[in-house]
N, C-alpha and C. Protein backbone atom coordinates (compact mmCIF):
# COMPACT_ATOMS: atom_id res chain seq x y z
N UNK A 1 81.83 112.24 93.43
CA UNK A 1 81.91 111.17 94.46
C UNK A 1 80.55 110.59 94.63
N UNK A 2 79.49 111.38 94.63
CA UNK A 2 78.15 110.89 94.83
C UNK A 2 77.82 109.95 93.74
N UNK A 3 78.06 110.30 92.52
CA UNK A 3 77.76 109.45 91.40
C UNK A 3 78.48 108.14 91.49
N UNK A 4 79.78 108.12 91.83
CA UNK A 4 80.53 106.85 92.10
C UNK A 4 79.87 106.04 93.18
N UNK A 5 79.51 106.66 94.26
CA UNK A 5 78.93 105.95 95.37
C UNK A 5 77.55 105.30 95.01
N UNK A 6 76.83 106.01 94.13
CA UNK A 6 75.53 105.46 93.69
C UNK A 6 75.60 104.37 92.58
N UNK A 7 76.84 104.19 92.02
CA UNK A 7 76.94 103.31 90.94
C UNK A 7 76.96 101.80 91.41
N UNK A 8 76.90 100.91 90.44
CA UNK A 8 76.91 99.52 90.88
C UNK A 8 78.18 99.10 91.53
N UNK A 9 79.28 99.79 91.26
CA UNK A 9 80.56 99.41 91.88
C UNK A 9 80.92 100.41 93.09
N UNK A 10 79.91 101.16 93.44
CA UNK A 10 80.13 102.11 94.58
C UNK A 10 80.76 101.58 95.81
N UNK A 11 80.36 100.36 96.28
CA UNK A 11 80.95 99.87 97.49
C UNK A 11 82.44 99.55 97.34
N UNK A 12 82.91 99.43 96.08
CA UNK A 12 84.34 99.15 95.87
C UNK A 12 85.12 100.38 95.70
N UNK A 13 84.61 101.53 95.75
CA UNK A 13 85.28 102.77 95.49
C UNK A 13 85.44 103.53 96.75
N UNK A 14 86.68 104.00 97.02
CA UNK A 14 86.95 104.77 98.26
C UNK A 14 87.73 106.03 97.86
N UNK A 15 87.16 107.19 98.23
CA UNK A 15 87.81 108.48 98.04
C UNK A 15 88.43 108.79 99.40
N UNK A 16 89.78 108.82 99.41
CA UNK A 16 90.50 108.93 100.69
C UNK A 16 90.96 110.32 101.03
N UNK A 17 91.05 111.17 100.00
CA UNK A 17 91.68 112.48 100.26
C UNK A 17 93.11 112.31 100.51
N UNK A 18 93.79 113.19 101.19
CA UNK A 18 95.27 113.12 101.50
C UNK A 18 95.51 112.01 102.46
N UNK A 19 96.51 111.24 102.06
CA UNK A 19 96.89 110.03 102.93
C UNK A 19 98.43 110.13 103.09
N UNK A 20 98.81 109.91 104.34
CA UNK A 20 100.28 109.94 104.61
C UNK A 20 100.99 108.56 104.60
N UNK A 21 100.20 107.55 104.85
CA UNK A 21 100.75 106.16 104.83
C UNK A 21 100.08 105.42 103.66
N UNK A 22 100.67 105.53 102.50
CA UNK A 22 99.99 105.06 101.29
C UNK A 22 100.12 103.53 101.05
N UNK A 23 101.18 102.90 101.69
CA UNK A 23 101.39 101.47 101.43
C UNK A 23 100.14 100.62 101.78
N UNK A 24 99.40 100.99 102.77
CA UNK A 24 98.20 100.21 103.09
C UNK A 24 97.20 100.32 102.04
N UNK A 25 97.09 101.36 101.24
CA UNK A 25 96.12 101.52 100.21
C UNK A 25 96.59 100.80 98.90
N UNK A 26 97.90 100.93 98.58
CA UNK A 26 98.48 100.26 97.46
C UNK A 26 98.30 98.74 97.63
N UNK A 27 98.37 98.23 98.81
CA UNK A 27 98.32 96.80 99.00
C UNK A 27 96.94 96.27 98.65
N UNK A 28 95.88 97.05 98.73
CA UNK A 28 94.58 96.55 98.45
C UNK A 28 93.87 97.14 97.24
N UNK A 29 94.66 98.02 96.49
CA UNK A 29 94.01 98.63 95.33
C UNK A 29 94.15 97.74 94.10
N UNK A 30 93.09 97.82 93.30
CA UNK A 30 92.98 97.08 92.04
C UNK A 30 93.38 97.95 90.81
N UNK A 31 93.08 99.24 91.00
CA UNK A 31 93.31 100.25 89.91
C UNK A 31 93.80 101.51 90.54
N UNK A 32 94.67 102.30 89.90
CA UNK A 32 95.14 103.59 90.36
C UNK A 32 94.72 104.59 89.31
N UNK A 33 93.98 105.68 89.73
CA UNK A 33 93.59 106.70 88.84
C UNK A 33 94.25 108.01 89.18
N UNK A 34 94.81 108.68 88.15
CA UNK A 34 95.37 110.02 88.42
C UNK A 34 94.79 110.98 87.46
N UNK A 35 93.63 111.53 87.84
CA UNK A 35 92.86 112.38 86.93
C UNK A 35 93.27 113.88 87.06
N UNK A 36 94.48 114.19 86.74
CA UNK A 36 94.91 115.57 86.94
C UNK A 36 94.32 116.45 85.89
N UNK A 37 94.06 117.67 86.24
CA UNK A 37 93.50 118.64 85.28
C UNK A 37 94.51 119.74 85.00
N UNK A 38 95.68 119.60 85.57
CA UNK A 38 96.76 120.58 85.30
C UNK A 38 97.36 120.33 84.00
N UNK A 39 98.21 121.30 83.57
CA UNK A 39 98.89 121.18 82.25
C UNK A 39 99.93 120.13 82.27
N UNK A 40 100.48 119.80 83.44
CA UNK A 40 101.54 118.90 83.56
C UNK A 40 101.80 118.45 84.97
N UNK A 41 102.50 117.40 85.17
CA UNK A 41 102.67 116.85 86.46
C UNK A 41 104.17 116.72 86.90
N UNK A 42 105.08 117.06 86.03
CA UNK A 42 106.50 116.85 86.33
C UNK A 42 106.74 115.31 86.33
N UNK A 43 107.01 114.79 87.45
CA UNK A 43 107.19 113.35 87.54
C UNK A 43 106.37 112.89 88.76
N UNK A 44 105.18 112.47 88.53
CA UNK A 44 104.20 112.15 89.66
C UNK A 44 104.67 110.95 90.38
N UNK A 45 105.13 111.11 91.60
CA UNK A 45 105.64 109.96 92.41
C UNK A 45 104.52 108.99 92.73
N UNK A 46 103.29 109.47 92.94
CA UNK A 46 102.20 108.55 93.19
C UNK A 46 102.03 107.52 92.08
N UNK A 47 102.12 107.95 90.82
CA UNK A 47 102.04 107.03 89.70
C UNK A 47 103.14 106.01 89.69
N UNK A 48 104.38 106.50 89.96
CA UNK A 48 105.49 105.56 90.04
C UNK A 48 105.32 104.57 91.19
N UNK A 49 104.85 105.00 92.35
CA UNK A 49 104.62 104.16 93.49
C UNK A 49 103.55 103.03 93.13
N UNK A 50 102.41 103.49 92.55
CA UNK A 50 101.36 102.55 92.23
C UNK A 50 101.81 101.52 91.27
N UNK A 51 102.47 101.98 90.15
CA UNK A 51 102.99 101.01 89.14
C UNK A 51 104.05 100.10 89.74
N UNK A 52 104.87 100.61 90.65
CA UNK A 52 105.86 99.71 91.24
C UNK A 52 105.27 98.67 92.16
N UNK A 53 104.00 98.92 92.55
CA UNK A 53 103.28 97.96 93.32
C UNK A 53 102.46 96.99 92.47
N UNK A 54 102.60 97.25 91.10
CA UNK A 54 101.92 96.37 90.13
C UNK A 54 100.45 96.72 89.83
N UNK A 55 100.07 97.92 90.30
CA UNK A 55 98.70 98.34 90.12
C UNK A 55 98.50 99.02 88.75
N UNK A 56 97.53 98.53 87.94
CA UNK A 56 97.35 99.16 86.63
C UNK A 56 96.80 100.52 86.81
N UNK A 57 97.38 101.54 86.10
CA UNK A 57 96.89 102.90 86.29
C UNK A 57 96.06 103.35 85.08
N UNK A 58 95.29 104.35 85.29
CA UNK A 58 94.70 105.24 84.27
C UNK A 58 95.05 106.66 84.66
N UNK A 59 95.43 107.50 83.70
CA UNK A 59 95.85 108.82 84.05
C UNK A 59 95.65 109.83 82.93
N UNK A 60 95.61 111.07 83.31
CA UNK A 60 95.44 112.14 82.29
C UNK A 60 96.60 112.17 81.37
N UNK A 61 96.30 112.51 80.14
CA UNK A 61 97.29 112.70 79.11
C UNK A 61 97.94 114.06 79.14
N UNK A 62 98.88 114.22 80.09
CA UNK A 62 99.52 115.57 80.34
C UNK A 62 101.02 115.21 80.44
N UNK A 63 101.84 116.25 80.28
CA UNK A 63 103.31 116.06 80.35
C UNK A 63 103.65 115.44 81.73
N UNK A 64 104.73 114.70 81.77
CA UNK A 64 105.10 113.93 82.95
C UNK A 64 104.42 112.60 82.93
N UNK A 65 103.16 112.64 83.03
CA UNK A 65 102.38 111.35 83.06
C UNK A 65 102.59 110.63 81.65
N UNK A 66 102.47 111.46 80.58
CA UNK A 66 102.66 110.89 79.26
C UNK A 66 103.99 110.16 79.09
N UNK A 67 105.03 110.82 79.70
CA UNK A 67 106.37 110.25 79.59
C UNK A 67 106.44 108.91 80.32
N UNK A 68 105.89 108.78 81.47
CA UNK A 68 105.89 107.56 82.26
C UNK A 68 105.09 106.47 81.57
N UNK A 69 103.94 106.86 80.99
CA UNK A 69 103.02 105.86 80.34
C UNK A 69 103.20 105.80 78.91
N UNK A 70 104.30 106.20 78.38
CA UNK A 70 104.51 106.23 76.90
C UNK A 70 104.34 104.83 76.31
N UNK A 71 104.78 103.75 76.93
CA UNK A 71 104.61 102.44 76.42
C UNK A 71 103.15 101.91 76.52
N UNK A 72 102.29 102.73 77.25
CA UNK A 72 100.93 102.31 77.56
C UNK A 72 99.89 103.37 77.18
N UNK A 73 99.85 103.75 75.93
CA UNK A 73 98.95 104.87 75.58
C UNK A 73 97.48 104.62 75.88
N UNK A 74 97.13 103.34 75.92
CA UNK A 74 95.73 102.91 76.14
C UNK A 74 95.29 103.30 77.57
N UNK A 75 96.26 103.59 78.40
CA UNK A 75 95.89 103.95 79.84
C UNK A 75 95.71 105.45 80.05
N UNK A 76 95.94 106.23 79.02
CA UNK A 76 95.76 107.72 79.10
C UNK A 76 94.36 108.15 78.63
N UNK A 77 93.90 109.21 79.24
CA UNK A 77 92.65 109.85 78.84
C UNK A 77 92.83 111.35 78.82
N UNK A 78 92.01 112.05 78.04
CA UNK A 78 92.01 113.51 77.94
C UNK A 78 91.71 114.18 79.29
N UNK A 79 92.50 115.12 79.73
CA UNK A 79 92.20 115.81 81.04
C UNK A 79 90.80 116.37 81.06
N UNK A 80 90.14 116.22 82.15
CA UNK A 80 88.80 116.74 82.38
C UNK A 80 87.71 116.00 81.60
N UNK A 81 88.03 114.99 80.89
CA UNK A 81 87.07 114.21 80.16
C UNK A 81 86.60 113.00 81.06
N UNK A 82 85.52 113.31 81.81
CA UNK A 82 85.01 112.32 82.77
C UNK A 82 84.53 111.08 82.11
N UNK A 83 83.87 111.23 80.93
CA UNK A 83 83.38 110.06 80.19
C UNK A 83 84.48 109.12 79.69
N UNK A 84 85.54 109.72 79.23
CA UNK A 84 86.68 108.92 78.81
C UNK A 84 87.38 108.20 79.99
N UNK A 85 87.44 108.97 81.13
CA UNK A 85 88.01 108.32 82.31
C UNK A 85 87.18 107.12 82.79
N UNK A 86 85.82 107.34 82.77
CA UNK A 86 84.93 106.29 83.15
C UNK A 86 85.05 105.10 82.25
N UNK A 87 85.20 105.31 80.92
CA UNK A 87 85.35 104.15 79.96
C UNK A 87 86.61 103.39 80.28
N UNK A 88 87.74 104.16 80.54
CA UNK A 88 89.02 103.47 80.90
C UNK A 88 88.90 102.65 82.15
N UNK A 89 88.29 103.20 83.14
CA UNK A 89 88.09 102.51 84.41
C UNK A 89 87.27 101.22 84.22
N UNK A 90 86.13 101.38 83.45
CA UNK A 90 85.24 100.27 83.26
C UNK A 90 85.97 99.13 82.49
N UNK A 91 86.81 99.54 81.52
CA UNK A 91 87.54 98.57 80.79
C UNK A 91 88.52 97.77 81.68
N UNK A 92 89.24 98.47 82.55
CA UNK A 92 90.15 97.82 83.44
C UNK A 92 89.42 96.93 84.44
N UNK A 93 88.23 97.37 84.91
CA UNK A 93 87.38 96.53 85.77
C UNK A 93 86.94 95.28 85.13
N UNK A 94 86.45 95.40 83.86
CA UNK A 94 86.00 94.25 83.10
C UNK A 94 87.08 93.27 82.79
N UNK A 95 88.24 93.82 82.55
CA UNK A 95 89.41 92.99 82.24
C UNK A 95 89.92 92.32 83.54
N UNK A 96 89.42 92.76 84.66
CA UNK A 96 89.85 92.28 85.98
C UNK A 96 91.36 92.25 85.99
N UNK A 97 91.98 93.38 85.64
CA UNK A 97 93.43 93.55 85.43
C UNK A 97 94.17 93.03 86.67
N UNK A 98 93.80 93.38 87.83
CA UNK A 98 94.51 92.98 89.08
C UNK A 98 95.98 93.44 89.07
N UNK A 99 96.68 92.95 89.96
CA UNK A 99 98.10 93.35 90.06
C UNK A 99 98.97 92.72 88.99
N UNK A 100 99.99 93.37 88.55
CA UNK A 100 100.82 92.83 87.43
C UNK A 100 102.23 93.29 87.64
N UNK A 101 103.13 92.34 87.57
CA UNK A 101 104.53 92.66 87.64
C UNK A 101 104.98 93.41 86.39
N UNK A 102 104.18 93.38 85.38
CA UNK A 102 104.43 94.09 84.14
C UNK A 102 104.73 95.59 84.40
N UNK A 103 103.82 96.25 85.15
CA UNK A 103 104.02 97.64 85.50
C UNK A 103 105.26 97.85 86.42
N UNK A 104 105.38 97.02 87.38
CA UNK A 104 106.50 97.05 88.29
C UNK A 104 107.82 96.97 87.47
N UNK A 105 107.94 96.04 86.60
CA UNK A 105 109.20 95.85 85.83
C UNK A 105 109.52 97.13 85.02
N UNK A 106 108.50 97.76 84.48
CA UNK A 106 108.65 98.97 83.69
C UNK A 106 109.23 100.06 84.58
N UNK A 107 108.69 100.23 85.77
CA UNK A 107 109.21 101.25 86.68
C UNK A 107 110.63 101.02 87.13
N UNK A 108 110.92 99.75 87.50
CA UNK A 108 112.24 99.37 87.98
C UNK A 108 113.26 99.54 86.88
N UNK A 109 112.85 99.31 85.62
CA UNK A 109 113.79 99.41 84.55
C UNK A 109 114.08 100.92 84.16
N UNK A 110 113.06 101.69 84.17
CA UNK A 110 113.18 103.12 83.70
C UNK A 110 113.31 104.19 84.81
N UNK A 111 112.92 103.82 86.05
CA UNK A 111 112.89 104.90 87.06
C UNK A 111 113.56 104.42 88.37
N UNK A 112 114.51 103.48 88.28
CA UNK A 112 115.16 103.05 89.54
C UNK A 112 116.13 104.16 90.02
N UNK A 113 116.46 104.13 91.32
CA UNK A 113 117.21 105.25 91.87
C UNK A 113 118.63 105.31 91.27
N UNK A 114 119.22 104.20 90.98
CA UNK A 114 120.57 104.31 90.39
C UNK A 114 120.55 104.95 88.99
N UNK A 115 119.56 104.64 88.22
CA UNK A 115 119.43 105.32 86.91
C UNK A 115 119.10 106.76 87.07
N UNK A 116 118.23 107.15 88.01
CA UNK A 116 117.94 108.52 88.28
C UNK A 116 119.19 109.32 88.73
N UNK A 117 120.00 108.76 89.59
CA UNK A 117 121.20 109.43 90.09
C UNK A 117 122.19 109.60 88.81
N UNK A 118 122.33 108.53 88.08
CA UNK A 118 123.24 108.59 86.91
C UNK A 118 122.83 109.60 85.91
N UNK A 119 121.48 109.73 85.68
CA UNK A 119 121.01 110.77 84.67
C UNK A 119 121.22 112.14 85.22
N UNK A 120 121.04 112.37 86.54
CA UNK A 120 121.30 113.66 87.10
C UNK A 120 122.81 114.04 87.00
N UNK A 121 123.67 113.05 87.28
CA UNK A 121 125.09 113.33 87.20
C UNK A 121 125.47 113.71 85.83
N UNK A 122 124.92 113.02 84.76
CA UNK A 122 125.17 113.41 83.38
C UNK A 122 124.81 114.85 83.11
N UNK A 123 123.62 115.22 83.57
CA UNK A 123 123.18 116.61 83.39
C UNK A 123 124.15 117.61 83.91
N UNK A 124 124.50 117.38 85.23
CA UNK A 124 125.46 118.29 85.89
C UNK A 124 126.81 118.31 85.21
N UNK A 125 127.33 117.18 84.80
CA UNK A 125 128.61 117.16 84.04
C UNK A 125 128.50 117.86 82.78
N UNK A 126 127.36 117.69 82.05
CA UNK A 126 127.15 118.39 80.80
C UNK A 126 127.14 119.93 80.97
N UNK A 127 126.48 120.32 82.01
CA UNK A 127 126.38 121.78 82.29
C UNK A 127 127.77 122.32 82.66
N UNK A 128 128.53 121.54 83.39
CA UNK A 128 129.83 121.99 83.83
C UNK A 128 130.89 121.63 82.80
N UNK A 129 130.50 121.05 81.71
CA UNK A 129 131.44 120.60 80.60
C UNK A 129 132.53 119.68 81.08
N UNK A 130 132.18 118.75 81.91
CA UNK A 130 133.12 117.69 82.43
C UNK A 130 132.81 116.44 81.74
N UNK A 131 133.80 115.74 81.37
CA UNK A 131 133.62 114.44 80.66
C UNK A 131 133.73 113.33 81.61
C-alpha cells in the first residue's frame, strides 16, 4: 500500500478493506483488481459485479477467475507476481480503458440469473436421472 501511495498515481488509488455497500465504489472505479493468492476462487461475485458495471478487471490466473475471464486472457496475471500485476494495471491505465459495456454484455450473456438457475436444474435432474 505504501508503494502505491508513493507512486505517481498514488492519489488515484484507494485501499478500502472490507466494504458492505459496494455500488458506491463501482460507480467511480476505473479498474477492478482481484489479486488472489489462493489456489482458486470458485465463482468470485466481486469480479462478476465489477464486470457487470463495465469496469475492466485484472485478476489472478486461478480456477474460477480463469473461467470467467476465459475470453480475456490478457487480463490475467500469475498469482503473487506483483510485477506482472503492476504491468497489467499500468497497461489498462495507459489505455484509459474506462467503463465498457463489453464486459457487462459478457457477464449478462454467461452469468445471468436465469441461466444460472437453468444450469443448476440440469445438474439436479442429471443427478436424479430425470429427463
